[in-house]
Amino acid sequence: MSIKTFELISTTENGVQLISYVALPENAADDKPVAGILVAPEWWGVVEHPKSITERLAKAGYAAVAMDVYGEGKLTSDAAQANMWMEQVLADQDMLMARCRLILNDFSDQLAVDGDNLAAIGFCFGGKVVLDMAREGMPLKAVATFHGNLSPKQPADSKFAAKVLVAHGGDDSMVTMDAVESFKKEMDAVDVDYTIGVYDNAKHGFTNPQADARAAENNADLGYNENAAKQSWDNMLAFMKANLG
């Protein structure tokens, strides 16, 4: 399927430009909008990996946007820099969620996007972002995370309406199985419909083809796992097909 891509610029109330990246099926015509999926990147920002994810989603028939939550299109391959930016936005999680809501609204306002048929997927830090969007009660039908940070901004309550799919690496040293168990308890407490898949021999970052290079550059316990990446992607597409009309 041929696709088209463009930048979507959202301006916050204090003038910060959020430069997100949109990919759409070429035939997403004004008269027949398609379901939309928001993509929250890893802590590196809107680099090649999230851009390629949005393009793959567009080729699968969805409108997709890689969200620039840092603002000004900032991106890096340096873990120390990424960590600093991530901590800056996590220091004001209400601001972070306001940025996500702004991007969601601007994205769903696109004529090609069915604003009543939205989902989100997130990677690592982005996993926390999309789960927190659901915790805030944003209009998402489905949320999927890949090697995601599961810790909540605030515990889920009755506002949490999305169904959840978690793809977790069995060898992830950054998000522990204890964190997964805590997440299960949080979801169970408010009867969220969730599925957790644990992928063998998969480390943190297992979906990112650049993970091995990032691991070497930053002395970090990351790793790409082609089998886990493919299986988790296929499972996510089936999950989206089941939950987006």
C-alpha atoms as a PDB file:
ATOM      1  CA  MET A   1       0.000   0.000   0.000  1.00  0.00           C
ATOM      2  CA  SER A   2       1.382   3.409  -0.919  1.00  0.00           C
ATOM      3  CA  ILE A   3       1.497   5.967   1.872  1.00  0.00           C
ATOM      4  CA  LYS A   4       2.040   9.671   2.382  1.00  0.00           C
ATOM      5  CA  THR A   5       3.904  11.312   5.268  1.00  0.00           C
ATOM      6  CA  PHE A   6       4.079  14.822   6.694  1.00  0.00           C
ATOM      7  CA  GLU A   7       4.956  16.750   9.839  1.00  0.00           C
ATOM      8  CA  LEU A   8       2.131  17.705  12.189  1.00  0.00           C
ATOM      9  CA  ILE A   9       3.044  20.754  14.274  1.00  0.00           C
ATOM     10  CA  SER A  10       1.110  21.307  17.505  1.00  0.00           C
ATOM     11  CA  THR A  11       1.827  24.466  19.514  1.00  0.00           C
ATOM     12  CA  THR A  12       1.469  24.361  23.304  1.00  0.00           C
ATOM     13  CA  GLU A  13      -0.067  27.233  25.215  1.00  0.00           C
ATOM     14  CA  ASN A  14       3.430  28.457  26.148  1.00  0.00           C
ATOM     15  CA  GLY A  15       4.593  28.383  22.530  1.00  0.00           C
ATOM     16  CA  VAL A  16       6.543  25.100  22.321  1.00  0.00           C
ATOM     17  CA  GLN A  17       6.249  23.444  18.905  1.00  0.00           C
ATOM     18  CA  LEU A  18       5.645  19.687  19.030  1.00  0.00           C
ATOM     19  CA  ILE A  19       6.834  18.357  15.668  1.00  0.00           C
ATOM     20  CA  SER A  20       5.155  14.983  15.219  1.00  0.00           C
ATOM     21  CA  TYR A  21       5.416  12.684  12.189  1.00  0.00           C
ATOM     22  CA  VAL A  22       2.271  11.448  10.429  1.00  0.00           C
ATOM     23  CA  ALA A  23       1.921   8.576   7.963  1.00  0.00           C
ATOM     24  CA  LEU A  24      -1.356   7.842   6.169  1.00  0.00           C
ATOM     25  CA  PRO A  25      -2.522   5.324   3.606  1.00  0.00           C
ATOM     26  CA  GLU A  26      -2.511   7.123   0.232  1.00  0.00           C
ATOM     27  CA  ASN A  27      -6.200   6.284  -0.173  1.00  0.00           C
ATOM     28  CA  ALA A  28      -7.299   7.619   3.236  1.00  0.00           C
ATOM     29  CA  ALA A  29      -9.721   9.927   1.469  1.00  0.00           C
ATOM     30  CA  ASP A  30     -11.743  12.678   3.081  1.00  0.00           C
ATOM     31  CA  ASP A  31     -14.958  10.727   2.546  1.00  0.00           C
ATOM     32  CA  LYS A  32     -13.742   7.605   4.339  1.00  0.00           C
ATOM     33  CA  PRO A  33     -11.467   8.348   7.295  1.00  0.00           C
ATOM     34  CA  VAL A  34      -9.467   5.479   8.798  1.00  0.00           C
ATOM     35  CA  ALA A  35      -8.709   4.423  12.374  1.00  0.00           C
ATOM     36  CA  GLY A  36      -5.822   6.314  13.962  1.00  0.00           C
ATOM     37  CA  ILE A  37      -2.919   5.032  16.057  1.00  0.00           C
ATOM     38  CA  LEU A  38      -0.700   7.309  18.134  1.00  0.00           C
ATOM     39  CA  VAL A  39       2.902   6.145  18.568  1.00  0.00           C
ATOM     40  CA  ALA A  40       4.913   7.158  21.655  1.00  0.00           C
ATOM     41  CA  PRO A  41       8.641   6.707  20.952  1.00  0.00           C
ATOM     42  CA  GLU A  42      11.427   5.398  23.145  1.00  0.00           C
ATOM     43  CA  TRP A  43      13.374   8.031  25.099  1.00  0.00           C
ATOM     44  CA  TRP A  44      15.483   8.849  22.000  1.00  0.00           C
ATOM     45  CA  GLY A  45      12.687  11.036  20.549  1.00  0.00           C
ATOM     46  CA  VAL A  46      11.142  10.835  17.061  1.00  0.00           C
ATOM     47  CA  VAL A  47      14.117   9.031  15.487  1.00  0.00           C
ATOM     48  CA  GLU A  48      14.117   6.465  12.652  1.00  0.00           C
ATOM     49  CA  HIS A  49      12.486   3.659  14.677  1.00  0.00           C
ATOM     50  CA  PRO A  50       9.184   5.427  15.532  1.00  0.00           C
ATOM     51  CA  LYS A  51       9.031   6.944  12.043  1.00  0.00           C
ATOM     52  CA  SER A  52       9.340   3.494  10.500  1.00  0.00           C
ATOM     53  CA  ILE A  53       6.653   2.208  12.911  1.00  0.00           C
ATOM     54  CA  THR A  54       4.181   4.891  11.772  1.00  0.00           C
ATOM     55  CA  GLU A  55       4.948   4.042   8.123  1.00  0.00           C
ATOM     56  CA  ARG A  56       4.385   0.328   8.769  1.00  0.00           C
ATOM     57  CA  LEU A  57       1.057   1.134  10.440  1.00  0.00           C
ATOM     58  CA  ALA A  58       0.028   3.258   7.440  1.00  0.00           C
ATOM     59  CA  LYS A  59       0.901   0.377   5.121  1.00  0.00           C
ATOM     60  CA  ALA A  60      -1.370  -1.793   7.302  1.00  0.00           C
ATOM     61  CA  GLY A  61      -4.237   0.648   6.647  1.00  0.00           C
ATOM     62  CA  TYR A  62      -4.100   2.944   9.684  1.00  0.00           C
ATOM     63  CA  ALA A  63      -3.402   6.631  10.095  1.00  0.00           C
ATOM     64  CA  ALA A  64      -0.479   6.952  12.491  1.00  0.00           C
ATOM     65  CA  VAL A  65       1.464   9.691  14.251  1.00  0.00           C
ATOM     66  CA  ALA A  66       4.803   9.513  16.079  1.00  0.00           C
ATOM     67  CA  MET A  67       4.357  11.968  18.958  1.00  0.00           C
ATOM     68  CA  ASP A  68       7.033  14.573  19.693  1.00  0.00           C
ATOM     69  CA  VAL A  69       6.501  14.839  23.456  1.00  0.00           C
ATOM     70  CA  TYR A  70       9.869  16.558  24.035  1.00  0.00           C
ATOM     71  CA  GLY A  71       9.049  19.424  21.691  1.00  0.00           C
ATOM     72  CA  GLU A  72      11.033  21.116  18.925  1.00  0.00           C
ATOM     73  CA  GLY A  73      11.669  17.723  17.306  1.00  0.00           C
ATOM     74  CA  LYS A  74      14.526  16.907  19.697  1.00  0.00           C
ATOM     75  CA  LEU A  75      16.183  13.528  19.160  1.00  0.00           C
ATOM     76  CA  THR A  76      19.405  11.803  20.211  1.00  0.00           C
ATOM     77  CA  SER A  77      21.303   8.504  20.243  1.00  0.00           C
ATOM     78  CA  ASP A  78      23.043   9.393  23.536  1.00  0.00           C
ATOM     79  CA  ALA A  79      21.487   7.704  26.573  1.00  0.00           C
ATOM     80  CA  ALA A  80      22.568  10.430  29.018  1.00  0.00           C
ATOM     81  CA  GLN A  81      20.922  13.109  26.868  1.00  0.00           C
ATOM     82  CA  ALA A  82      17.804  10.962  26.358  1.00  0.00           C
ATOM     83  CA  ASN A  83      17.566  10.325  30.094  1.00  0.00           C
ATOM     84  CA  MET A  84      17.842  14.057  30.832  1.00  0.00           C
ATOM     85  CA  TRP A  85      15.017  14.904  28.423  1.00  0.00           C
ATOM     86  CA  MET A  86      12.872  12.061  29.719  1.00  0.00           C
ATOM     87  CA  GLU A  87      13.375  13.166  33.339  1.00  0.00           C
ATOM     88  CA  GLN A  88      12.502  16.746  32.386  1.00  0.00           C
ATOM     89  CA  VAL A  89       9.093  15.749  31.028  1.00  0.00           C
ATOM     90  CA  LEU A  90       8.490  13.195  33.802  1.00  0.00           C
ATOM     91  CA  ALA A  91       9.130  15.966  36.349  1.00  0.00           C
ATOM     92  CA  ASP A  92       5.872  17.544  35.136  1.00  0.00           C
ATOM     93  CA  GLN A  93       3.636  14.677  34.087  1.00  0.00           C
ATOM     94  CA  ASP A  94       0.557  16.912  33.861  1.00  0.00           C
ATOM     95  CA  MET A  95       2.408  18.918  31.186  1.00  0.00           C
ATOM     96  CA  LEU A  96       3.428  15.681  29.439  1.00  0.00           C
ATOM     97  CA  MET A  97      -0.180  14.480  29.352  1.00  0.00           C
ATOM     98  CA  ALA A  98      -1.370  17.902  28.145  1.00  0.00           C
ATOM     99  CA  ARG A  99       1.074  17.615  25.248  1.00  0.00           C
ATOM    100  CA  CYS A 100      -0.219  14.134  24.416  1.00  0.00           C
ATOM    101  CA  ARG A 101      -3.818  15.358  24.518  1.00  0.00           C
ATOM    102  CA  LEU A 102      -2.913  18.268  22.221  1.00  0.00           C
ATOM    103  CA  ILE A 103      -1.277  15.940  19.680  1.00  0.00           C
ATOM    104  CA  LEU A 104      -4.206  13.505  19.945  1.00  0.00           C
ATOM    105  CA  ASN A 105      -6.686  16.312  19.242  1.00  0.00           C
ATOM    106  CA  ASP A 106      -4.686  17.754  16.325  1.00  0.00           C
ATOM    107  CA  PHE A 107      -4.204  14.278  14.847  1.00  0.00           C
ATOM    108  CA  SER A 108      -7.872  13.283  15.201  1.00  0.00           C
ATOM    109  CA  ASP A 109      -8.865  16.594  13.562  1.00  0.00           C
ATOM    110  CA  GLN A 110      -7.195  15.451  10.318  1.00  0.00           C
ATOM    111  CA  LEU A 111      -9.831  14.653   7.696  1.00  0.00           C
ATOM    112  CA  ALA A 112      -8.238  11.264   7.006  1.00  0.00           C
ATOM    113  CA  VAL A 113      -8.480  10.210  10.679  1.00  0.00           C
ATOM    114  CA  ASP A 114     -11.543   8.691  12.324  1.00  0.00           C
ATOM    115  CA  GLY A 115     -11.439  10.516  15.649  1.00  0.00           C
ATOM    116  CA  ASP A 116     -13.895   8.030  17.172  1.00  0.00           C
ATOM    117  CA  ASN A 117     -11.572   5.117  16.421  1.00  0.00           C
ATOM    118  CA  LEU A 118      -8.235   5.748  18.120  1.00  0.00           C
ATOM    119  CA  ALA A 119      -5.548   3.589  19.708  1.00  0.00           C
ATOM    120  CA  ALA A 120      -1.959   4.079  20.871  1.00  0.00           C
ATOM    121  CA  ILE A 121       1.253   2.075  20.994  1.00  0.00           C
ATOM    122  CA  GLY A 122       4.377   2.907  22.962  1.00  0.00           C
ATOM    123  CA  PHE A 123       7.951   1.706  23.257  1.00  0.00           C
ATOM    124  CA  CYS A 124       9.973   1.758  26.535  1.00  0.00           C
ATOM    125  CA  PHE A 125       9.371   5.248  28.000  1.00  0.00           C
ATOM    126  CA  GLY A 126       6.627   5.587  25.385  1.00  0.00           C
ATOM    127  CA  GLY A 127       4.890   2.570  26.901  1.00  0.00           C
ATOM    128  CA  LYS A 128       4.390   4.579  30.070  1.00  0.00           C
ATOM    129  CA  VAL A 129       3.190   7.541  28.007  1.00  0.00           C
ATOM    130  CA  VAL A 130       0.397   5.615  26.246  1.00  0.00           C
ATOM    131  CA  LEU A 131      -0.689   3.763  29.388  1.00  0.00           C
ATOM    132  CA  ASP A 132      -0.865   7.096  31.222  1.00  0.00           C
ATOM    133  CA  MET A 133      -2.962   8.504  28.363  1.00  0.00           C
ATOM    134  CA  ALA A 134      -5.433   5.663  29.020  1.00  0.00           C
ATOM    135  CA  ARG A 135      -5.172   6.257  32.784  1.00  0.00           C
ATOM    136  CA  GLU A 136      -6.106   9.912  32.121  1.00  0.00           C
ATOM    137  CA  GLY A 137      -9.230   8.773  30.276  1.00  0.00           C
ATOM    138  CA  MET A 138      -8.192   9.885  26.787  1.00  0.00           C
ATOM    139  CA  PRO A 139     -10.460   8.403  24.074  1.00  0.00           C
ATOM    140  CA  LEU A 140      -8.393   5.335  23.188  1.00  0.00           C
ATOM    141  CA  LYS A 141     -10.005   1.976  22.416  1.00  0.00           C
ATOM    142  CA  ALA A 142      -6.773   0.016  22.627  1.00  0.00           C
ATOM    143  CA  VAL A 143      -3.234   0.493  23.958  1.00  0.00           C
ATOM    144  CA  ALA A 144      -0.218  -1.688  23.219  1.00  0.00           C
ATOM    145  CA  THR A 145       3.234  -1.451  24.767  1.00  0.00           C
ATOM    146  CA  PHE A 146       6.548  -2.944  23.680  1.00  0.00           C
ATOM    147  CA  HIS A 147       9.226  -3.298  26.404  1.00  0.00           C
ATOM    148  CA  GLY A 148       7.283  -0.526  28.117  1.00  0.00           C
ATOM    149  CA  ASN A 149       7.759   1.222  31.435  1.00  0.00           C
ATOM    150  CA  LEU A 150       4.579   0.175  33.260  1.00  0.00           C
ATOM    151  CA  SER A 151       4.771   2.534  36.262  1.00  0.00           C
ATOM    152  CA  PRO A 152       1.666   4.731  36.554  1.00  0.00           C
ATOM    153  CA  LYS A 153       1.327   8.506  36.768  1.00  0.00           C
ATOM    154  CA  GLN A 154      -1.557   7.608  39.043  1.00  0.00           C
ATOM    155  CA  PRO A 155      -3.184   4.186  39.431  1.00  0.00           C
ATOM    156  CA  ALA A 156      -5.865   3.323  36.892  1.00  0.00           C
ATOM    157  CA  ASP A 157      -9.462   4.048  37.855  1.00  0.00           C
ATOM    158  CA  SER A 158     -12.845   3.860  36.126  1.00  0.00           C
ATOM    159  CA  LYS A 159     -11.669   6.344  33.447  1.00  0.00           C
ATOM    160  CA  PHE A 160      -9.434   3.601  31.995  1.00  0.00           C
ATOM    161  CA  ALA A 161     -11.505   2.359  29.039  1.00  0.00           C
ATOM    162  CA  ALA A 162      -8.844   0.991  26.677  1.00  0.00           C
ATOM    163  CA  LYS A 163      -8.010  -2.672  26.193  1.00  0.00           C
ATOM    164  CA  VAL A 164      -4.318  -3.384  26.769  1.00  0.00           C
ATOM    165  CA  LEU A 165      -1.669  -5.566  25.129  1.00  0.00           C
ATOM    166  CA  VAL A 166       1.779  -5.749  26.753  1.00  0.00           C
ATOM    167  CA  ALA A 167       4.801  -7.213  24.926  1.00  0.00           C
ATOM    168  CA  HIS A 168       7.528  -7.786  27.517  1.00  0.00           C
ATOM    169  CA  GLY A 169      11.012  -9.237  27.105  1.00  0.00           C
ATOM    170  CA  GLY A 170      11.776 -12.186  29.367  1.00  0.00           C
ATOM    171  CA  ASP A 171      15.371 -10.926  29.738  1.00  0.00           C
ATOM    172  CA  ASP A 172      14.445  -7.260  30.306  1.00  0.00           C
ATOM    173  CA  SER A 173      16.669  -5.993  33.133  1.00  0.00           C
ATOM    174  CA  MET A 174      15.112  -2.496  33.105  1.00  0.00           C
ATOM    175  CA  VAL A 175      11.453  -3.454  33.553  1.00  0.00           C
ATOM    176  CA  THR A 176      11.363  -6.327  36.044  1.00  0.00           C
ATOM    177  CA  MET A 177       8.815  -9.119  36.334  1.00  0.00           C
ATOM    178  CA  ASP A 178       7.916  -7.538  39.697  1.00  0.00           C
ATOM    179  CA  ALA A 179       6.879  -4.425  37.760  1.00  0.00           C
ATOM    180  CA  VAL A 180       4.759  -6.627  35.496  1.00  0.00           C
ATOM    181  CA  GLU A 181       3.079  -8.199  38.560  1.00  0.00           C
ATOM    182  CA  SER A 182       2.359  -4.743  40.015  1.00  0.00           C
ATOM    183  CA  PHE A 183       0.842  -3.723  36.693  1.00  0.00           C
ATOM    184  CA  LYS A 184      -1.411  -6.795  36.690  1.00  0.00           C
ATOM    185  CA  LYS A 185      -2.673  -5.885  40.166  1.00  0.00           C
ATOM    186  CA  GLU A 186      -3.345  -2.310  39.066  1.00  0.00           C
ATOM    187  CA  MET A 187      -5.324  -3.469  36.020  1.00  0.00           C
ATOM    188  CA  ASP A 188      -7.205  -6.187  37.931  1.00  0.00           C
ATOM    189  CA  ALA A 189      -8.343  -3.658  40.541  1.00  0.00           C
ATOM    190  CA  VAL A 190     -10.416  -1.798  37.928  1.00  0.00           C
ATOM    191  CA  ASP A 191     -11.278  -4.744  35.648  1.00  0.00           C
ATOM    192  CA  VAL A 192      -9.223  -3.623  32.649  1.00  0.00           C
ATOM    193  CA  ASP A 193      -9.107  -6.159  29.799  1.00  0.00           C
ATOM    194  CA  TYR A 194      -5.382  -6.837  29.333  1.00  0.00           C
ATOM    195  CA  THR A 195      -3.076  -9.431  27.786  1.00  0.00           C
ATOM    196  CA  ILE A 196       0.622  -9.793  28.624  1.00  0.00           C
ATOM    197  CA  GLY A 197       2.991 -11.617  26.299  1.00  0.00           C
ATOM    198  CA  VAL A 198       6.472 -12.468  27.600  1.00  0.00           C
ATOM    199  CA  TYR A 199       9.013 -13.100  24.842  1.00  0.00           C
ATOM    200  CA  ASP A 200      11.913 -15.464  25.550  1.00  0.00           C
ATOM    201  CA  ASN A 201      15.515 -14.270  25.146  1.00  0.00           C
ATOM    202  CA  ALA A 202      14.311 -10.719  24.559  1.00  0.00           C
ATOM    203  CA  LYS A 203      15.983  -7.768  26.280  1.00  0.00           C
ATOM    204  CA  HIS A 204      14.816  -4.206  26.750  1.00  0.00           C
ATOM    205  CA  GLY A 205      14.456  -2.522  23.351  1.00  0.00           C
ATOM    206  CA  PHE A 206      13.940  -5.829  21.524  1.00  0.00           C
ATOM    207  CA  THR A 207      11.837  -4.268  18.720  1.00  0.00           C
ATOM    208  CA  ASN A 208      14.423  -1.648  17.734  1.00  0.00           C
ATOM    209  CA  PRO A 209      16.928  -2.730  15.030  1.00  0.00           C
ATOM    210  CA  GLN A 210      19.325  -0.085  16.416  1.00  0.00           C
ATOM    211  CA  ALA A 211      19.202  -1.541  19.947  1.00  0.00           C
ATOM    212  CA  ASP A 212      22.519  -3.427  19.703  1.00  0.00           C
ATOM    213  CA  ALA A 213      24.347  -0.324  18.463  1.00  0.00           C
ATOM    214  CA  ARG A 214      22.739   1.811  21.192  1.00  0.00           C
ATOM    215  CA  ALA A 215      23.749  -0.806  23.773  1.00  0.00           C
ATOM    216  CA  ALA A 216      27.387  -0.712  22.643  1.00  0.00           C
ATOM    217  CA  GLU A 217      27.527   3.098  22.486  1.00  0.00           C
ATOM    218  CA  ASN A 218      25.931   3.605  25.886  1.00  0.00           C
ATOM    219  CA  ASN A 219      26.988   0.488  27.840  1.00  0.00           C
ATOM    220  CA  ALA A 220      23.282  -0.328  28.297  1.00  0.00           C
ATOM    221  CA  ASP A 221      21.533  -3.696  28.562  1.00  0.00           C
ATOM    222  CA  LEU A 222      19.535  -3.422  25.326  1.00  0.00           C
ATOM    223  CA  GLY A 223      19.214  -5.869  22.459  1.00  0.00           C
ATOM    224  CA  TYR A 224      17.296  -6.440  19.240  1.00  0.00           C
ATOM    225  CA  ASN A 225      15.497  -9.764  18.874  1.00  0.00           C
ATOM    226  CA  GLU A 226      14.136 -10.278  15.358  1.00  0.00           C
ATOM    227  CA  ASN A 227      11.790 -13.148  16.257  1.00  0.00           C
ATOM    228  CA  ALA A 228      10.293 -11.344  19.265  1.00  0.00           C
ATOM    229  CA  ALA A 229       9.983  -8.153  17.232  1.00  0.00           C
ATOM    230  CA  LYS A 230       8.070  -9.913  14.459  1.00  0.00           C
ATOM    231  CA  GLN A 231       5.833 -11.982  16.758  1.00  0.00           C
ATOM    232  CA  SER A 232       4.938  -9.010  18.958  1.00  0.00           C
ATOM    233  CA  TRP A 233       4.213  -6.834  15.897  1.00  0.00           C
ATOM    234  CA  ASP A 234       1.918  -9.459  14.378  1.00  0.00           C
ATOM    235  CA  ASN A 235       0.135  -9.867  17.722  1.00  0.00           C
ATOM    236  CA  MET A 236      -0.300  -6.094  17.974  1.00  0.00           C
ATOM    237  CA  LEU A 237      -1.818  -5.884  14.471  1.00  0.00           C
ATOM    238  CA  ALA A 238      -4.287  -8.674  15.335  1.00  0.00           C
ATOM    239  CA  PHE A 239      -5.135  -6.866  18.599  1.00  0.00           C
ATOM    240  CA  MET A 240      -5.761  -3.597  16.733  1.00  0.00           C
ATOM    241  CA  LYS A 241      -7.876  -5.325  14.093  1.00  0.00           C
ATOM    242  CA  ALA A 242     -10.028  -6.822  16.869  1.00  0.00           C
ATOM    243  CA  ASN A 243     -10.505  -3.515  18.704  1.00  0.00           C
ATOM    244  CA  LEU A 244     -10.642  -0.786  16.067  1.00  0.00           C
ATOM    245  CA  GLY A 245     -13.819  -0.781  14.011  1.00  0.00           C
END
